PDB file of N, CA and C in Angstrom:
ATOM      1  N   UNK A   1     115.404  90.609  49.842  1.00  0.00           N
ATOM      2  CA  UNK A   1     114.459  90.503  50.912  1.00  0.00           C
ATOM      3  C   UNK A   1     113.297  89.640  50.437  1.00  0.00           C
ATOM      4  N   UNK A   2     112.932  88.712  51.272  1.00  0.00           N
ATOM      5  CA  UNK A   2     111.814  87.840  50.950  1.00  0.00           C
ATOM      6  C   UNK A   2     110.455  88.482  51.193  1.00  0.00           C
ATOM      7  N   UNK A   3     109.465  87.879  50.649  1.00  0.00           N
ATOM      8  CA  UNK A   3     108.112  88.408  50.861  1.00  0.00           C
ATOM      9  C   UNK A   3     107.640  88.130  52.276  1.00  0.00           C
ATOM     10  N   UNK A   4     107.023  89.085  52.884  1.00  0.00           N
ATOM     11  CA  UNK A   4     106.497  88.884  54.254  1.00  0.00           C
ATOM     12  C   UNK A   4     104.995  88.579  54.109  1.00  0.00           C
ATOM     13  N   UNK A   5     104.482  87.899  55.115  1.00  0.00           N
ATOM     14  CA  UNK A   5     103.064  87.606  55.149  1.00  0.00           C
ATOM     15  C   UNK A   5     102.327  88.881  55.405  1.00  0.00           C
ATOM     16  N   UNK A   6     101.155  89.055  54.828  1.00  0.00           N
ATOM     17  CA  UNK A   6     100.445  90.304  54.875  1.00  0.00           C
ATOM     18  C   UNK A   6     100.074  90.753  56.282  1.00  0.00           C
ATOM     19  N   UNK A   7      99.688  89.789  57.138  1.00  0.00           N
ATOM     20  CA  UNK A   7      99.184  90.137  58.454  1.00  0.00           C
ATOM     21  C   UNK A   7     100.085  89.812  59.599  1.00  0.00           C
ATOM     22  N   UNK A   8     101.393  89.723  59.319  1.00  0.00           N
ATOM     23  CA  UNK A   8     102.316  89.361  60.366  1.00  0.00           C
ATOM     24  C   UNK A   8     102.997  90.621  60.888  1.00  0.00           C
ATOM     25  N   UNK A   9     102.378  91.239  61.895  1.00  0.00           N
ATOM     26  CA  UNK A   9     102.836  92.503  62.458  1.00  0.00           C
ATOM     27  C   UNK A   9     104.247  92.428  63.077  1.00  0.00           C
ATOM     28  N   UNK A  10     104.499  91.344  63.784  1.00  0.00           N
ATOM     29  CA  UNK A  10     105.813  91.247  64.477  1.00  0.00           C
ATOM     30  C   UNK A  10     106.931  91.250  63.471  1.00  0.00           C
ATOM     31  N   UNK A  11     106.756  90.551  62.306  1.00  0.00           N
ATOM     32  CA  UNK A  11     107.789  90.501  61.334  1.00  0.00           C
ATOM     33  C   UNK A  11     107.956  91.846  60.648  1.00  0.00           C
ATOM     34  N   UNK A  12     106.823  92.565  60.454  1.00  0.00           N
ATOM     35  CA  UNK A  12     106.946  93.859  59.855  1.00  0.00           C
ATOM     36  C   UNK A  12     107.663  94.851  60.782  1.00  0.00           C
ATOM     37  N   UNK A  13     107.425  94.782  62.094  1.00  0.00           N
ATOM     38  CA  UNK A  13     108.096  95.588  63.042  1.00  0.00           C
ATOM     39  C   UNK A  13     109.603  95.248  63.061  1.00  0.00           C
ATOM     40  N   UNK A  14     109.905  93.967  62.970  1.00  0.00           N
ATOM     41  CA  UNK A  14     111.301  93.561  62.915  1.00  0.00           C
ATOM     42  C   UNK A  14     112.007  94.105  61.705  1.00  0.00           C
ATOM     43  N   UNK A  15     111.344  94.134  60.560  1.00  0.00           N
ATOM     44  CA  UNK A  15     111.898  94.638  59.340  1.00  0.00           C
ATOM     45  C   UNK A  15     112.210  96.150  59.466  1.00  0.00           C
ATOM     46  N   UNK A  16     111.309  96.889  60.128  1.00  0.00           N
ATOM     47  CA  UNK A  16     111.550  98.304  60.360  1.00  0.00           C
ATOM     48  C   UNK A  16     112.789  98.513  61.226  1.00  0.00           C
ATOM     49  N   UNK A  17     112.958  97.638  62.248  1.00  0.00           N
ATOM     50  CA  UNK A  17     114.136  97.746  63.142  1.00  0.00           C
ATOM     51  C   UNK A  17     115.408  97.442  62.355  1.00  0.00           C
ATOM     52  N   UNK A  18     115.398  96.476  61.434  1.00  0.00           N
ATOM     53  CA  UNK A  18     116.570  96.131  60.645  1.00  0.00           C
ATOM     54  C   UNK A  18     116.886  97.309  59.764  1.00  0.00           C
ATOM     55  N   UNK A  19     115.942  97.957  59.146  1.00  0.00           N
ATOM     56  CA  UNK A  19     116.219  99.062  58.288  1.00  0.00           C
ATOM     57  C   UNK A  19     116.805 100.272  59.055  1.00  0.00           C
ATOM     58  N   UNK A  20     116.293 100.481  60.295  1.00  0.00           N
ATOM     59  CA  UNK A  20     116.831 101.549  61.115  1.00  0.00           C
ATOM     60  C   UNK A  20     118.262 101.314  61.489  1.00  0.00           C
ATOM     61  N   UNK A  21     118.587 100.042  61.788  1.00  0.00           N
ATOM     62  CA  UNK A  21     119.983  99.707  62.096  1.00  0.00           C
ATOM     63  C   UNK A  21     120.891  99.918  60.921  1.00  0.00           C
ATOM     64  N   UNK A  22     120.433  99.543  59.727  1.00  0.00           N
ATOM     65  CA  UNK A  22     121.184  99.751  58.531  1.00  0.00           C
ATOM     66  C   UNK A  22     121.448 101.200  58.273  1.00  0.00           C
ATOM     67  N   UNK A  23     120.447 102.070  58.509  1.00  0.00           N
ATOM     68  CA  UNK A  23     120.540 103.496  58.329  1.00  0.00           C
ATOM     69  C   UNK A  23     121.634 104.040  59.314  1.00  0.00           C
ATOM     70  N   UNK A  24     121.583 103.630  60.535  1.00  0.00           N
ATOM     71  CA  UNK A  24     122.561 104.144  61.517  1.00  0.00           C
ATOM     72  C   UNK A  24     123.979 103.679  61.182  1.00  0.00           C
ATOM     73  N   UNK A  25     124.148 102.466  60.712  1.00  0.00           N
ATOM     74  CA  UNK A  25     125.484 101.965  60.350  1.00  0.00           C
ATOM     75  C   UNK A  25     125.995 102.719  59.104  1.00  0.00           C
ATOM     76  N   UNK A  26     125.147 102.979  58.146  1.00  0.00           N
ATOM     77  CA  UNK A  26     125.667 103.685  56.954  1.00  0.00           C
ATOM     78  C   UNK A  26     125.940 105.164  57.257  1.00  0.00           C
ATOM     79  N   UNK A  27     125.213 105.741  58.203  1.00  0.00           N
ATOM     80  CA  UNK A  27     125.536 107.126  58.533  1.00  0.00           C
ATOM     81  C   UNK A  27     126.891 107.201  59.219  1.00  0.00           C
ATOM     82  N   UNK A  28     127.235 106.198  60.050  1.00  0.00           N
ATOM     83  CA  UNK A  28     128.517 106.182  60.743  1.00  0.00           C
ATOM     84  C   UNK A  28     129.646 105.940  59.686  1.00  0.00           C
ATOM     85  N   UNK A  29     129.445 105.096  58.721  1.00  0.00           N
ATOM     86  CA  UNK A  29     130.488 104.863  57.732  1.00  0.00           C
ATOM     87  C   UNK A  29     130.596 105.938  56.649  1.00  0.00           C
ATOM     88  N   UNK A  30     129.549 106.785  56.569  1.00  0.00           N
ATOM     89  CA  UNK A  30     129.609 107.858  55.616  1.00  0.00           C
ATOM     90  C   UNK A  30     129.009 107.530  54.234  1.00  0.00           C
ATOM     91  N   UNK A  31     128.490 106.317  54.098  1.00  0.00           N
ATOM     92  CA  UNK A  31     127.895 105.898  52.809  1.00  0.00           C
ATOM     93  C   UNK A  31     126.384 106.238  52.889  1.00  0.00           C
ATOM     94  N   UNK A  32     126.014 107.381  52.297  1.00  0.00           N
ATOM     95  CA  UNK A  32     124.607 107.872  52.456  1.00  0.00           C
ATOM     96  C   UNK A  32     123.807 107.619  51.173  1.00  0.00           C
ATOM     97  N   UNK A  33     124.196 106.750  50.341  1.00  0.00           N
ATOM     98  CA  UNK A  33     123.469 106.543  49.068  1.00  0.00           C
ATOM     99  C   UNK A  33     122.079 106.002  49.276  1.00  0.00           C
ATOM    100  N   UNK A  34     121.971 104.980  50.101  1.00  0.00           N
ATOM    101  CA  UNK A  34     120.688 104.281  50.217  1.00  0.00           C
ATOM    102  C   UNK A  34     119.832 104.700  51.413  1.00  0.00           C
ATOM    103  N   UNK A  35     120.193 105.701  52.098  1.00  0.00           N
ATOM    104  CA  UNK A  35     119.500 106.127  53.296  1.00  0.00           C
ATOM    105  C   UNK A  35     118.059 106.533  52.972  1.00  0.00           C
ATOM    106  N   UNK A  36     117.900 107.368  51.880  1.00  0.00           N
ATOM    107  CA  UNK A  36     116.566 107.849  51.531  1.00  0.00           C
ATOM    108  C   UNK A  36     115.651 106.664  51.091  1.00  0.00           C
ATOM    109  N   UNK A  37     116.212 105.715  50.386  1.00  0.00           N
ATOM    110  CA  UNK A  37     115.455 104.543  49.969  1.00  0.00           C
ATOM    111  C   UNK A  37     114.958 103.779  51.211  1.00  0.00           C
ATOM    112  N   UNK A  38     115.839 103.600  52.190  1.00  0.00           N
ATOM    113  CA  UNK A  38     115.502 102.825  53.377  1.00  0.00           C
ATOM    114  C   UNK A  38     114.443 103.559  54.173  1.00  0.00           C
ATOM    115  N   UNK A  39     114.561 104.864  54.242  1.00  0.00           N
ATOM    116  CA  UNK A  39     113.546 105.673  54.967  1.00  0.00           C
ATOM    117  C   UNK A  39     112.200 105.552  54.290  1.00  0.00           C
ATOM    118  N   UNK A  40     112.210 105.515  52.953  1.00  0.00           N
ATOM    119  CA  UNK A  40     111.001 105.309  52.214  1.00  0.00           C
ATOM    120  C   UNK A  40     110.355 103.932  52.493  1.00  0.00           C
ATOM    121  N   UNK A  41     111.192 102.929  52.568  1.00  0.00           N
ATOM    122  CA  UNK A  41     110.703 101.589  52.883  1.00  0.00           C
ATOM    123  C   UNK A  41     110.078 101.527  54.246  1.00  0.00           C
ATOM    124  N   UNK A  42     110.722 102.215  55.206  1.00  0.00           N
ATOM    125  CA  UNK A  42     110.156 102.256  56.598  1.00  0.00           C
ATOM    126  C   UNK A  42     108.813 102.898  56.575  1.00  0.00           C
ATOM    127  N   UNK A  43     108.604 104.017  55.899  1.00  0.00           N
ATOM    128  CA  UNK A  43     107.330 104.647  55.872  1.00  0.00           C
ATOM    129  C   UNK A  43     106.311 103.810  55.196  1.00  0.00           C
ATOM    130  N   UNK A  44     106.686 103.090  54.168  1.00  0.00           N
ATOM    131  CA  UNK A  44     105.767 102.198  53.436  1.00  0.00           C
ATOM    132  C   UNK A  44     105.313 101.052  54.358  1.00  0.00           C
ATOM    133  N   UNK A  45     106.217 100.472  55.099  1.00  0.00           N
ATOM    134  CA  UNK A  45     105.838  99.423  56.016  1.00  0.00           C
ATOM    135  C   UNK A  45     104.967  99.955  57.135  1.00  0.00           C
ATOM    136  N   UNK A  46     105.208 101.171  57.628  1.00  0.00           N
ATOM    137  CA  UNK A  46     104.341 101.743  58.690  1.00  0.00           C
ATOM    138  C   UNK A  46     102.946 101.931  58.141  1.00  0.00           C
ATOM    139  N   UNK A  47     102.792 102.413  56.955  1.00  0.00           N
ATOM    140  CA  UNK A  47     101.456 102.559  56.336  1.00  0.00           C
ATOM    141  C   UNK A  47     100.780 101.233  56.262  1.00  0.00           C
ATOM    142  N   UNK A  48     101.522 100.193  55.872  1.00  0.00           N
ATOM    143  CA  UNK A  48     100.994  98.874  55.760  1.00  0.00           C
ATOM    144  C   UNK A  48     100.465  98.356  57.139  1.00  0.00           C
ATOM    145  N   UNK A  49     101.257  98.634  58.177  1.00  0.00           N
ATOM    146  CA  UNK A  49     100.894  98.198  59.546  1.00  0.00           C
ATOM    147  C   UNK A  49      99.562  98.936  59.960  1.00  0.00           C
ATOM    148  N   UNK A  50      99.478 100.230  59.667  1.00  0.00           N
ATOM    149  CA  UNK A  50      98.233 100.964  59.993  1.00  0.00           C
ATOM    150  C   UNK A  50      97.026 100.410  59.285  1.00  0.00           C
ATOM    151  N   UNK A  51      97.183 100.025  58.010  1.00  0.00           N
ATOM    152  CA  UNK A  51      96.073  99.382  57.271  1.00  0.00           C
ATOM    153  C   UNK A  51      95.672  98.090  57.918  1.00  0.00           C
ATOM    154  N   UNK A  52      96.606  97.256  58.311  1.00  0.00           N
ATOM    155  CA  UNK A  52      96.286  95.975  58.928  1.00  0.00           C
ATOM    156  C   UNK A  52      95.537  96.180  60.243  1.00  0.00           C
ATOM    157  N   UNK A  53      96.003  97.152  61.056  1.00  0.00           N
ATOM    158  CA  UNK A  53      95.377  97.426  62.323  1.00  0.00           C
ATOM    159  C   UNK A  53      93.962  97.936  62.178  1.00  0.00           C
ATOM    160  N   UNK A  54      93.771  98.801  61.189  1.00  0.00           N
ATOM    161  CA  UNK A  54      92.422  99.336  60.955  1.00  0.00           C
ATOM    162  C   UNK A  54      91.468  98.259  60.429  1.00  0.00           C
ATOM    163  N   UNK A  55      91.981  97.313  59.664  1.00  0.00           N
ATOM    164  CA  UNK A  55      91.191  96.208  59.150  1.00  0.00           C
ATOM    165  C   UNK A  55      90.784  95.293  60.300  1.00  0.00           C
ATOM    166  N   UNK A  56      91.700  95.025  61.244  1.00  0.00           N
ATOM    167  CA  UNK A  56      91.386  94.173  62.346  1.00  0.00           C
ATOM    168  C   UNK A  56      90.362  94.788  63.313  1.00  0.00           C
ATOM    169  N   UNK A  57      90.426  96.124  63.450  1.00  0.00           N
ATOM    170  CA  UNK A  57      89.463  96.796  64.310  1.00  0.00           C
ATOM    171  C   UNK A  57      88.064  96.771  63.732  1.00  0.00           C
ATOM    172  N   UNK A  58      87.918  96.790  62.401  1.00  0.00           N
ATOM    173  CA  UNK A  58      86.600  96.754  61.788  1.00  0.00           C
ATOM    174  C   UNK A  58      85.911  95.417  61.928  1.00  0.00           C
ATOM    175  N   UNK A  59      86.697  94.356  62.117  1.00  0.00           N
ATOM    176  CA  UNK A  59      86.089  92.980  62.249  1.00  0.00           C
ATOM    177  C   UNK A  59      85.507  92.806  63.563  1.00  0.00           C
TER     178      UNK A  59
END
């Protein structure tokens, strides 16, 4: 995965959707090794989005 721009909310949202799709595909196939890691990444990106929004509201 490449580095995303810090303040690009649409790309961050897109990344969350990609991870959710990967989780659903791996649950169907039965390969559950990386599901927890992907869920952790989703929560990390969501925290990052909340920080960006709070910074924009302060300005």
